[in-house]
Amino acid sequence: MIRTILAPFTFVVHITLQLLNLALWGSLIIVLGLVKLVLPNGKIRSLWNSVMHWLMFSFGRISVLLIRMFNAIDIEYAIHGELAKDRWYLIIANHLSYLDIILLIEFATHRIPAPKFFLKKELIWLPFVGLGAWALDMPFMRRYSRTYIEKYPEKKGKDLETTKAYCEKFRTVPTTVINFVEGTRFTPEKHALKKSPYTHLLPAKAGGVSFTLAAMGELFTNVLDISLLYPNNQKHPMMAMLCGTMTKIIIDVNVEPVPELQQNSQRNESEFRLYFQDWLNNLWKNKDTRIKNLLES
């Protein structure tokens, strides 16, 4: 009751501290990213990247510390399988809130290699976030619509080329690639508009993940199927968190084998796309059931 009454005051103080946290670590990462431009490839550059990843992890840890400070919250981690810092992972996660990104960064700390998010090109202009992500070598994607490709056929395949170019940077150092396969945050309105066959998820899009697998699939040790849940604050989790009224977060992780790759099979490109979409749909169906069970329990 008292937290609800104090929610407006909590919101002002909490969001101010979260923005200062973002500005501090984002600025440091951007400065180091500019310096990195003149560094030669090799051990010095690798060490420099490690420092920048430490700064990103620090942002995530402090952000979650602030969340715990302002919310009487229980963050429950359920990890089904083994994780290690010296492997390559592909994370496939549902997407409910911008809070998801903070939680995934904090989750990766001390568990798996530094995460790389595939971001929309427009986010490059978001203060501290855009240039910070650029400095950390995160891919900015521009997806072309079918209509656009029909009008400008020379652009066909450019998104795959961009993905492959970025993924080349991830080959020498263990990396975690994160893809929100729904393509947007879940809302009841989007769920109805897209006529989703799932109860708690939007339909999964295979394009981005299949591009990543085509570019560096042989490197991935496992797929991490991560379900993010805010059981008591499902409508507006970010606002609830900032107002101090969030009570529980569930981060459920299934360590899955990597799907059979096209280059290691007898399937042609068309058959592989169908196979991979079926694999993703089955994963999504099981995830929807798992989320239902987690919410009910």
C-alpha atoms as a PDB file:
ATOM      1  CA  MET A   1       0.000   0.000   0.000  1.00  0.00           C
ATOM      2  CA  ILE A   2       2.691   2.473   1.023  1.00  0.00           C
ATOM      3  CA  ARG A   3       4.696   1.712  -2.148  1.00  0.00           C
ATOM      4  CA  THR A   4       1.667   2.603  -4.266  1.00  0.00           C
ATOM      5  CA  ILE A   5       1.272   5.917  -2.443  1.00  0.00           C
ATOM      6  CA  LEU A   6       4.971   6.719  -2.870  1.00  0.00           C
ATOM      7  CA  ALA A   7       5.053   5.569  -6.516  1.00  0.00           C
ATOM      8  CA  PRO A   8       5.241   9.094  -8.103  1.00  0.00           C
ATOM      9  CA  PHE A   9       8.156  10.110  -5.859  1.00  0.00           C
ATOM     10  CA  THR A  10       9.876   6.746  -6.391  1.00  0.00           C
ATOM     11  CA  PHE A  11       9.481   7.111 -10.153  1.00  0.00           C
ATOM     12  CA  VAL A  12      11.231  10.512 -10.248  1.00  0.00           C
ATOM     13  CA  VAL A  13      14.159   9.426  -8.094  1.00  0.00           C
ATOM     14  CA  HIS A  14      14.546   5.982  -9.648  1.00  0.00           C
ATOM     15  CA  ILE A  15      14.412   7.079 -13.294  1.00  0.00           C
ATOM     16  CA  THR A  16      16.902   9.862 -12.564  1.00  0.00           C
ATOM     17  CA  LEU A  17      19.388   7.390 -11.074  1.00  0.00           C
ATOM     18  CA  GLN A  18      18.844   4.901 -13.918  1.00  0.00           C
ATOM     19  CA  LEU A  19      19.486   7.607 -16.530  1.00  0.00           C
ATOM     20  CA  LEU A  20      22.617   8.787 -14.708  1.00  0.00           C
ATOM     21  CA  ASN A  21      23.828   5.180 -14.591  1.00  0.00           C
ATOM     22  CA  LEU A  22      23.226   4.836 -18.343  1.00  0.00           C
ATOM     23  CA  ALA A  23      24.901   8.178 -19.086  1.00  0.00           C
ATOM     24  CA  LEU A  24      27.994   7.354 -16.999  1.00  0.00           C
ATOM     25  CA  TRP A  25      28.768   3.927 -18.429  1.00  0.00           C
ATOM     26  CA  GLY A  26      27.509   4.812 -21.913  1.00  0.00           C
ATOM     27  CA  SER A  27      29.830   7.835 -22.093  1.00  0.00           C
ATOM     28  CA  LEU A  28      32.834   5.810 -20.954  1.00  0.00           C
ATOM     29  CA  ILE A  29      32.116   3.098 -23.520  1.00  0.00           C
ATOM     30  CA  ILE A  30      31.753   5.680 -26.314  1.00  0.00           C
ATOM     31  CA  VAL A  31      35.074   7.353 -25.406  1.00  0.00           C
ATOM     32  CA  LEU A  32      36.859   4.003 -25.354  1.00  0.00           C
ATOM     33  CA  GLY A  33      35.166   3.106 -28.628  1.00  0.00           C
ATOM     34  CA  LEU A  34      36.600   6.198 -30.299  1.00  0.00           C
ATOM     35  CA  VAL A  35      40.066   5.350 -29.002  1.00  0.00           C
ATOM     36  CA  LYS A  36      39.632   1.779 -30.293  1.00  0.00           C
ATOM     37  CA  LEU A  37      39.399   3.141 -33.844  1.00  0.00           C
ATOM     38  CA  VAL A  38      43.147   3.817 -33.860  1.00  0.00           C
ATOM     39  CA  LEU A  39      44.217   0.637 -32.065  1.00  0.00           C
ATOM     40  CA  PRO A  40      45.822  -2.149 -34.128  1.00  0.00           C
ATOM     41  CA  ASN A  41      44.220  -5.578 -34.273  1.00  0.00           C
ATOM     42  CA  GLY A  42      45.704  -8.020 -31.816  1.00  0.00           C
ATOM     43  CA  LYS A  43      46.130  -8.419 -28.070  1.00  0.00           C
ATOM     44  CA  ILE A  44      45.845  -4.704 -27.279  1.00  0.00           C
ATOM     45  CA  ARG A  45      42.522  -4.424 -29.097  1.00  0.00           C
ATOM     46  CA  SER A  46      41.240  -7.610 -27.427  1.00  0.00           C
ATOM     47  CA  LEU A  47      42.200  -6.261 -24.002  1.00  0.00           C
ATOM     48  CA  TRP A  48      40.505  -2.964 -24.861  1.00  0.00           C
ATOM     49  CA  ASN A  49      37.314  -4.828 -25.795  1.00  0.00           C
ATOM     50  CA  SER A  50      37.445  -6.686 -22.482  1.00  0.00           C
ATOM     51  CA  VAL A  51      37.553  -3.374 -20.603  1.00  0.00           C
ATOM     52  CA  MET A  52      34.581  -2.100 -22.605  1.00  0.00           C
ATOM     53  CA  HIS A  53      32.634  -5.277 -21.876  1.00  0.00           C
ATOM     54  CA  TRP A  54      33.421  -4.816 -18.172  1.00  0.00           C
ATOM     55  CA  LEU A  55      31.904  -1.325 -18.391  1.00  0.00           C
ATOM     56  CA  MET A  56      28.759  -2.753 -20.009  1.00  0.00           C
ATOM     57  CA  PHE A  57      28.467  -5.421 -17.321  1.00  0.00           C
ATOM     58  CA  SER A  58      28.918  -2.712 -14.662  1.00  0.00           C
ATOM     59  CA  PHE A  59      25.991  -0.810 -16.161  1.00  0.00           C
ATOM     60  CA  GLY A  60      23.822  -3.948 -15.981  1.00  0.00           C
ATOM     61  CA  ARG A  61      24.834  -4.845 -12.417  1.00  0.00           C
ATOM     62  CA  ILE A  62      24.232  -1.349 -11.039  1.00  0.00           C
ATOM     63  CA  SER A  63      20.948  -1.004 -12.929  1.00  0.00           C
ATOM     64  CA  VAL A  64      19.660  -4.240 -11.374  1.00  0.00           C
ATOM     65  CA  LEU A  65      21.021  -3.135  -7.977  1.00  0.00           C
ATOM     66  CA  LEU A  66      18.876   0.023  -8.292  1.00  0.00           C
ATOM     67  CA  ILE A  67      15.885  -2.131  -9.231  1.00  0.00           C
ATOM     68  CA  ARG A  68      16.377  -4.180  -6.071  1.00  0.00           C
ATOM     69  CA  MET A  69      16.826  -1.007  -4.020  1.00  0.00           C
ATOM     70  CA  PHE A  70      13.521   0.537  -5.092  1.00  0.00           C
ATOM     71  CA  ASN A  71      11.427  -2.647  -5.374  1.00  0.00           C
ATOM     72  CA  ALA A  72      10.648  -5.390  -2.855  1.00  0.00           C
ATOM     73  CA  ILE A  73      11.499  -7.860  -5.559  1.00  0.00           C
ATOM     74  CA  ASP A  74      12.362 -11.517  -6.001  1.00  0.00           C
ATOM     75  CA  ILE A  75      14.416 -12.246  -9.140  1.00  0.00           C
ATOM     76  CA  GLU A  76      14.223 -15.978  -9.803  1.00  0.00           C
ATOM     77  CA  TYR A  77      16.803 -17.622 -12.086  1.00  0.00           C
ATOM     78  CA  ALA A  78      16.032 -21.107 -13.407  1.00  0.00           C
ATOM     79  CA  ILE A  79      18.906 -22.460 -15.533  1.00  0.00           C
ATOM     80  CA  HIS A  80      18.387 -25.885 -17.101  1.00  0.00           C
ATOM     81  CA  GLY A  81      21.842 -26.946 -18.317  1.00  0.00           C
ATOM     82  CA  GLU A  82      25.457 -25.837 -17.974  1.00  0.00           C
ATOM     83  CA  LEU A  83      26.836 -22.428 -18.939  1.00  0.00           C
ATOM     84  CA  ALA A  84      30.429 -21.269 -19.444  1.00  0.00           C
ATOM     85  CA  LYS A  85      32.331 -18.079 -20.335  1.00  0.00           C
ATOM     86  CA  ASP A  86      34.465 -19.730 -23.029  1.00  0.00           C
ATOM     87  CA  ARG A  87      31.669 -20.743 -25.419  1.00  0.00           C
ATOM     88  CA  TRP A  88      29.600 -19.169 -28.184  1.00  0.00           C
ATOM     89  CA  TYR A  89      25.860 -18.871 -27.520  1.00  0.00           C
ATOM     90  CA  LEU A  90      22.823 -17.822 -29.531  1.00  0.00           C
ATOM     91  CA  ILE A  91      20.082 -16.469 -27.249  1.00  0.00           C
ATOM     92  CA  ILE A  92      16.498 -16.623 -28.474  1.00  0.00           C
ATOM     93  CA  ALA A  93      14.238 -14.711 -26.090  1.00  0.00           C
ATOM     94  CA  ASN A  94      10.718 -13.362 -25.835  1.00  0.00           C
ATOM     95  CA  HIS A  95      10.391  -9.575 -25.579  1.00  0.00           C
ATOM     96  CA  LEU A  96       8.075  -7.802 -23.153  1.00  0.00           C
ATOM     97  CA  SER A  97       9.877  -4.607 -22.169  1.00  0.00           C
ATOM     98  CA  TYR A  98      13.040  -2.527 -22.568  1.00  0.00           C
ATOM     99  CA  LEU A  99      13.792  -3.918 -19.120  1.00  0.00           C
ATOM    100  CA  ASP A 100      14.536  -7.246 -20.854  1.00  0.00           C
ATOM    101  CA  ILE A 101      17.815  -5.813 -22.204  1.00  0.00           C
ATOM    102  CA  ILE A 102      19.054  -4.734 -18.772  1.00  0.00           C
ATOM    103  CA  LEU A 103      18.189  -8.124 -17.302  1.00  0.00           C
ATOM    104  CA  LEU A 104      19.947 -10.051 -20.073  1.00  0.00           C
ATOM    105  CA  ILE A 105      23.125  -7.973 -19.670  1.00  0.00           C
ATOM    106  CA  GLU A 106      23.104  -8.589 -15.912  1.00  0.00           C
ATOM    107  CA  PHE A 107      22.309 -12.285 -16.427  1.00  0.00           C
ATOM    108  CA  ALA A 108      25.331 -12.682 -18.716  1.00  0.00           C
ATOM    109  CA  THR A 109      27.706 -11.289 -16.076  1.00  0.00           C
ATOM    110  CA  HIS A 110      29.949 -14.090 -14.713  1.00  0.00           C
ATOM    111  CA  ARG A 111      27.878 -16.705 -16.604  1.00  0.00           C
ATOM    112  CA  ILE A 112      28.390 -16.364 -20.367  1.00  0.00           C
ATOM    113  CA  PRO A 113      30.399 -14.185 -22.806  1.00  0.00           C
ATOM    114  CA  ALA A 114      29.491 -10.534 -23.384  1.00  0.00           C
ATOM    115  CA  PRO A 115      26.152 -10.260 -25.236  1.00  0.00           C
ATOM    116  CA  LYS A 116      25.689  -8.647 -28.651  1.00  0.00           C
ATOM    117  CA  PHE A 117      22.199  -7.425 -29.509  1.00  0.00           C
ATOM    118  CA  PHE A 118      20.950  -7.095 -33.087  1.00  0.00           C
ATOM    119  CA  LEU A 119      19.498  -3.574 -33.144  1.00  0.00           C
ATOM    120  CA  LYS A 120      17.289  -1.610 -35.495  1.00  0.00           C
ATOM    121  CA  LYS A 121      19.309   0.952 -37.449  1.00  0.00           C
ATOM    122  CA  GLU A 122      17.162   3.811 -36.080  1.00  0.00           C
ATOM    123  CA  LEU A 123      18.460   3.136 -32.540  1.00  0.00           C
ATOM    124  CA  ILE A 124      21.896   4.519 -33.456  1.00  0.00           C
ATOM    125  CA  TRP A 125      20.453   7.974 -32.596  1.00  0.00           C
ATOM    126  CA  LEU A 126      19.243   6.986 -29.119  1.00  0.00           C
ATOM    127  CA  PRO A 127      21.406   8.942 -26.614  1.00  0.00           C
ATOM    128  CA  PHE A 128      24.196   6.875 -25.018  1.00  0.00           C
ATOM    129  CA  VAL A 129      22.568   3.603 -26.176  1.00  0.00           C
ATOM    130  CA  GLY A 130      23.151   3.988 -29.924  1.00  0.00           C
ATOM    131  CA  LEU A 131      26.794   5.044 -29.938  1.00  0.00           C
ATOM    132  CA  GLY A 132      27.531   2.797 -26.977  1.00  0.00           C
ATOM    133  CA  ALA A 133      26.213  -0.210 -28.912  1.00  0.00           C
ATOM    134  CA  TRP A 134      28.226   0.900 -31.962  1.00  0.00           C
ATOM    135  CA  ALA A 135      31.390   1.082 -29.850  1.00  0.00           C
ATOM    136  CA  LEU A 136      30.711  -2.459 -28.598  1.00  0.00           C
ATOM    137  CA  ASP A 137      30.468  -3.754 -32.196  1.00  0.00           C
ATOM    138  CA  MET A 138      26.779  -4.566 -31.978  1.00  0.00           C
ATOM    139  CA  PRO A 139      25.086  -5.033 -35.373  1.00  0.00           C
ATOM    140  CA  PHE A 140      22.653  -2.390 -36.613  1.00  0.00           C
ATOM    141  CA  MET A 141      20.261  -3.989 -39.059  1.00  0.00           C
ATOM    142  CA  ARG A 142      18.194  -2.468 -41.835  1.00  0.00           C
ATOM    143  CA  ARG A 143      15.636  -4.995 -42.968  1.00  0.00           C
ATOM    144  CA  TYR A 144      14.198  -4.411 -46.436  1.00  0.00           C
ATOM    145  CA  SER A 145      10.538  -5.146 -47.121  1.00  0.00           C
ATOM    146  CA  ARG A 146       9.437  -7.311 -50.048  1.00  0.00           C
ATOM    147  CA  THR A 147       7.957  -4.220 -51.736  1.00  0.00           C
ATOM    148  CA  TYR A 148      11.241  -2.337 -51.349  1.00  0.00           C
ATOM    149  CA  ILE A 149      13.229  -5.261 -52.796  1.00  0.00           C
ATOM    150  CA  GLU A 150      10.884  -5.445 -55.767  1.00  0.00           C
ATOM    151  CA  LYS A 151      11.519  -1.746 -56.410  1.00  0.00           C
ATOM    152  CA  TYR A 152      15.268  -1.937 -55.750  1.00  0.00           C
ATOM    153  CA  PRO A 153      16.337  -5.527 -56.569  1.00  0.00           C
ATOM    154  CA  GLU A 154      20.035  -4.639 -56.122  1.00  0.00           C
ATOM    155  CA  LYS A 155      19.370  -4.449 -52.356  1.00  0.00           C
ATOM    156  CA  LYS A 156      18.432  -8.149 -52.185  1.00  0.00           C
ATOM    157  CA  GLY A 157      20.782  -9.998 -49.836  1.00  0.00           C
ATOM    158  CA  LYS A 158      22.290  -6.812 -48.371  1.00  0.00           C
ATOM    159  CA  ASP A 159      20.867  -7.559 -44.906  1.00  0.00           C
ATOM    160  CA  LEU A 160      22.522 -10.999 -44.972  1.00  0.00           C
ATOM    161  CA  GLU A 161      25.820  -9.429 -46.072  1.00  0.00           C
ATOM    162  CA  THR A 162      25.599  -6.958 -43.166  1.00  0.00           C
ATOM    163  CA  THR A 163      24.928  -9.774 -40.707  1.00  0.00           C
ATOM    164  CA  LYS A 164      27.861 -11.815 -41.997  1.00  0.00           C
ATOM    165  CA  ALA A 165      30.209  -8.810 -41.848  1.00  0.00           C
ATOM    166  CA  TYR A 166      29.374  -8.170 -38.201  1.00  0.00           C
ATOM    167  CA  CYS A 167      29.495 -11.838 -37.260  1.00  0.00           C
ATOM    168  CA  GLU A 168      33.053 -12.086 -38.609  1.00  0.00           C
ATOM    169  CA  LYS A 169      34.082  -9.889 -35.668  1.00  0.00           C
ATOM    170  CA  PHE A 170      32.668 -12.474 -33.244  1.00  0.00           C
ATOM    171  CA  ARG A 171      34.673 -15.439 -34.526  1.00  0.00           C
ATOM    172  CA  THR A 172      37.901 -14.935 -32.578  1.00  0.00           C
ATOM    173  CA  VAL A 173      36.460 -14.299 -29.097  1.00  0.00           C
ATOM    174  CA  PRO A 174      33.646 -16.245 -27.340  1.00  0.00           C
ATOM    175  CA  THR A 175      30.458 -14.252 -27.857  1.00  0.00           C
ATOM    176  CA  THR A 176      26.750 -14.328 -27.053  1.00  0.00           C
ATOM    177  CA  VAL A 177      24.417 -13.179 -29.840  1.00  0.00           C
ATOM    178  CA  ILE A 178      20.926 -12.150 -28.731  1.00  0.00           C
ATOM    179  CA  ASN A 179      17.885 -12.123 -31.007  1.00  0.00           C
ATOM    180  CA  PHE A 180      14.334 -11.144 -30.048  1.00  0.00           C
ATOM    181  CA  VAL A 181      12.642 -13.247 -32.703  1.00  0.00           C
ATOM    182  CA  GLU A 182       9.201 -11.691 -32.223  1.00  0.00           C
ATOM    183  CA  GLY A 183      10.631  -8.536 -33.784  1.00  0.00           C
ATOM    184  CA  THR A 184       8.840  -6.232 -31.338  1.00  0.00           C
ATOM    185  CA  ARG A 185       7.664  -6.076 -27.735  1.00  0.00           C
ATOM    186  CA  PHE A 186       4.609  -8.131 -26.798  1.00  0.00           C
ATOM    187  CA  THR A 187       1.368  -6.233 -26.107  1.00  0.00           C
ATOM    188  CA  PRO A 188      -2.218  -7.513 -26.084  1.00  0.00           C
ATOM    189  CA  GLU A 189      -2.946  -5.198 -29.034  1.00  0.00           C
ATOM    190  CA  LYS A 190      -0.111  -6.629 -31.141  1.00  0.00           C
ATOM    191  CA  HIS A 191      -1.105 -10.142 -30.074  1.00  0.00           C
ATOM    192  CA  ALA A 192      -4.616  -9.602 -31.415  1.00  0.00           C
ATOM    193  CA  LEU A 193      -3.465  -7.755 -34.553  1.00  0.00           C
ATOM    194  CA  LYS A 194      -1.047 -10.507 -35.549  1.00  0.00           C
ATOM    195  CA  LYS A 195      -3.609 -13.228 -34.703  1.00  0.00           C
ATOM    196  CA  SER A 196      -0.938 -15.059 -32.756  1.00  0.00           C
ATOM    197  CA  PRO A 197      -1.507 -18.810 -32.315  1.00  0.00           C
ATOM    198  CA  TYR A 198       0.201 -18.555 -28.920  1.00  0.00           C
ATOM    199  CA  THR A 199      -1.211 -17.367 -25.608  1.00  0.00           C
ATOM    200  CA  HIS A 200       1.787 -15.460 -24.267  1.00  0.00           C
ATOM    201  CA  LEU A 201       3.908 -14.862 -27.371  1.00  0.00           C
ATOM    202  CA  LEU A 202       3.845 -13.165 -30.744  1.00  0.00           C
ATOM    203  CA  PRO A 203       4.700 -15.276 -33.823  1.00  0.00           C
ATOM    204  CA  ALA A 204       8.446 -15.900 -34.182  1.00  0.00           C
ATOM    205  CA  LYS A 205      10.303 -14.630 -37.251  1.00  0.00           C
ATOM    206  CA  ALA A 206      13.050 -16.930 -38.493  1.00  0.00           C
ATOM    207  CA  GLY A 207      14.875 -14.438 -40.724  1.00  0.00           C
ATOM    208  CA  GLY A 208      17.297 -12.799 -38.294  1.00  0.00           C
ATOM    209  CA  VAL A 209      18.222 -16.029 -36.524  1.00  0.00           C
ATOM    210  CA  SER A 210      18.716 -17.966 -39.749  1.00  0.00           C
ATOM    211  CA  PHE A 211      21.004 -15.173 -41.014  1.00  0.00           C
ATOM    212  CA  THR A 212      23.070 -15.469 -37.837  1.00  0.00           C
ATOM    213  CA  LEU A 213      23.290 -19.245 -38.162  1.00  0.00           C
ATOM    214  CA  ALA A 214      24.246 -18.933 -41.827  1.00  0.00           C
ATOM    215  CA  ALA A 215      27.038 -16.513 -40.895  1.00  0.00           C
ATOM    216  CA  MET A 216      28.566 -18.287 -37.874  1.00  0.00           C
ATOM    217  CA  GLY A 217      26.376 -21.246 -36.963  1.00  0.00           C
ATOM    218  CA  GLU A 218      29.273 -23.716 -36.810  1.00  0.00           C
ATOM    219  CA  LEU A 219      30.752 -21.712 -33.920  1.00  0.00           C
ATOM    220  CA  PHE A 220      27.730 -21.822 -31.609  1.00  0.00           C
ATOM    221  CA  THR A 221      28.000 -24.255 -28.737  1.00  0.00           C
ATOM    222  CA  ASN A 222      24.327 -24.023 -27.760  1.00  0.00           C
ATOM    223  CA  VAL A 223      21.109 -22.108 -28.238  1.00  0.00           C
ATOM    224  CA  LEU A 224      19.840 -20.511 -25.017  1.00  0.00           C
ATOM    225  CA  ASP A 225      16.046 -20.401 -25.022  1.00  0.00           C
ATOM    226  CA  ILE A 226      15.304 -17.664 -22.464  1.00  0.00           C
ATOM    227  CA  SER A 227      11.844 -16.789 -21.151  1.00  0.00           C
ATOM    228  CA  LEU A 228      11.500 -13.438 -19.353  1.00  0.00           C
ATOM    229  CA  LEU A 229       8.430 -13.055 -17.143  1.00  0.00           C
ATOM    230  CA  TYR A 230       6.980 -10.363 -14.879  1.00  0.00           C
ATOM    231  CA  PRO A 231       4.169 -12.394 -13.266  1.00  0.00           C
ATOM    232  CA  ASN A 232       2.562  -9.618 -11.194  1.00  0.00           C
ATOM    233  CA  ASN A 233       3.219  -6.725 -13.593  1.00  0.00           C
ATOM    234  CA  GLN A 234       2.545  -8.086 -17.056  1.00  0.00           C
ATOM    235  CA  LYS A 235       0.958  -4.984 -18.619  1.00  0.00           C
ATOM    236  CA  HIS A 236       3.562  -2.292 -17.878  1.00  0.00           C
ATOM    237  CA  PRO A 237       6.676  -3.921 -16.353  1.00  0.00           C
ATOM    238  CA  MET A 238       9.024  -0.984 -17.028  1.00  0.00           C
ATOM    239  CA  MET A 239       6.706   1.520 -15.343  1.00  0.00           C
ATOM    240  CA  ALA A 240       6.063  -0.829 -12.417  1.00  0.00           C
ATOM    241  CA  MET A 241       9.806  -1.270 -11.947  1.00  0.00           C
ATOM    242  CA  LEU A 242      10.469   2.495 -11.992  1.00  0.00           C
ATOM    243  CA  CYS A 243       7.583   3.156  -9.578  1.00  0.00           C
ATOM    244  CA  GLY A 244       8.807   0.558  -7.087  1.00  0.00           C
ATOM    245  CA  THR A 245       5.781  -1.734  -7.358  1.00  0.00           C
ATOM    246  CA  MET A 246       7.388  -4.708  -9.107  1.00  0.00           C
ATOM    247  CA  THR A 247       7.501  -7.839  -6.927  1.00  0.00           C
ATOM    248  CA  LYS A 248       8.824 -10.690  -9.065  1.00  0.00           C
ATOM    249  CA  ILE A 249      10.892 -11.412 -12.173  1.00  0.00           C
ATOM    250  CA  ILE A 250      11.476 -14.885 -13.616  1.00  0.00           C
ATOM    251  CA  ILE A 251      14.388 -15.624 -15.961  1.00  0.00           C
ATOM    252  CA  ASP A 252      13.992 -19.182 -17.235  1.00  0.00           C
ATOM    253  CA  VAL A 253      16.865 -20.568 -19.342  1.00  0.00           C
ATOM    254  CA  ASN A 254      16.876 -23.783 -21.374  1.00  0.00           C
ATOM    255  CA  VAL A 255      20.226 -24.840 -22.852  1.00  0.00           C
ATOM    256  CA  GLU A 256      19.353 -26.333 -26.261  1.00  0.00           C
ATOM    257  CA  PRO A 257      21.438 -27.970 -29.004  1.00  0.00           C
ATOM    258  CA  VAL A 258      22.098 -25.934 -32.142  1.00  0.00           C
ATOM    259  CA  PRO A 259      19.735 -26.918 -34.993  1.00  0.00           C
ATOM    260  CA  GLU A 260      21.290 -28.866 -37.845  1.00  0.00           C
ATOM    261  CA  LEU A 261      22.951 -26.421 -40.204  1.00  0.00           C
ATOM    262  CA  GLN A 262      22.275 -26.171 -43.901  1.00  0.00           C
ATOM    263  CA  GLN A 263      25.918 -26.605 -44.881  1.00  0.00           C
ATOM    264  CA  ASN A 264      26.086 -29.855 -42.902  1.00  0.00           C
ATOM    265  CA  SER A 265      22.971 -31.368 -44.418  1.00  0.00           C
ATOM    266  CA  GLN A 266      21.587 -32.443 -47.779  1.00  0.00           C
ATOM    267  CA  ARG A 267      18.894 -29.712 -47.727  1.00  0.00           C
ATOM    268  CA  ASN A 268      18.867 -26.942 -50.290  1.00  0.00           C
ATOM    269  CA  GLU A 269      18.266 -23.328 -49.211  1.00  0.00           C
ATOM    270  CA  SER A 270      14.497 -23.498 -49.588  1.00  0.00           C
ATOM    271  CA  GLU A 271      14.239 -26.768 -47.648  1.00  0.00           C
ATOM    272  CA  PHE A 272      16.487 -25.414 -44.902  1.00  0.00           C
ATOM    273  CA  ARG A 273      14.274 -22.354 -44.439  1.00  0.00           C
ATOM    274  CA  LEU A 274      11.223 -24.570 -44.008  1.00  0.00           C
ATOM    275  CA  TYR A 275      13.119 -26.872 -41.642  1.00  0.00           C
ATOM    276  CA  PHE A 276      14.380 -23.972 -39.554  1.00  0.00           C
ATOM    277  CA  GLN A 277      10.963 -22.271 -39.369  1.00  0.00           C
ATOM    278  CA  ASP A 278       9.466 -25.587 -38.194  1.00  0.00           C
ATOM    279  CA  TRP A 279      12.238 -25.888 -35.570  1.00  0.00           C
ATOM    280  CA  LEU A 280      11.572 -22.334 -34.348  1.00  0.00           C
ATOM    281  CA  ASN A 281       7.790 -22.818 -34.314  1.00  0.00           C
ATOM    282  CA  ASN A 282       8.186 -25.967 -32.217  1.00  0.00           C
ATOM    283  CA  LEU A 283      10.525 -24.135 -29.832  1.00  0.00           C
ATOM    284  CA  TRP A 284       7.988 -21.312 -29.567  1.00  0.00           C
ATOM    285  CA  LYS A 285       5.102 -23.697 -28.922  1.00  0.00           C
ATOM    286  CA  ASN A 286       7.030 -25.337 -26.071  1.00  0.00           C
ATOM    287  CA  LYS A 287       8.032 -21.918 -24.709  1.00  0.00           C
ATOM    288  CA  ASP A 288       4.391 -20.786 -24.672  1.00  0.00           C
ATOM    289  CA  THR A 289       3.440 -23.876 -22.659  1.00  0.00           C
ATOM    290  CA  ARG A 290       6.371 -23.343 -20.284  1.00  0.00           C
ATOM    291  CA  ILE A 291       5.417 -19.675 -19.713  1.00  0.00           C
ATOM    292  CA  LYS A 292       1.824 -20.733 -18.988  1.00  0.00           C
ATOM    293  CA  ASN A 293       3.031 -23.256 -16.400  1.00  0.00           C
ATOM    294  CA  LEU A 294       5.439 -20.764 -14.804  1.00  0.00           C
ATOM    295  CA  LEU A 295       2.722 -18.121 -14.482  1.00  0.00           C
ATOM    296  CA  GLU A 296       0.267 -20.618 -13.009  1.00  0.00           C
ATOM    297  CA  SER A 297       2.775 -21.871 -10.460  1.00  0.00           C
END
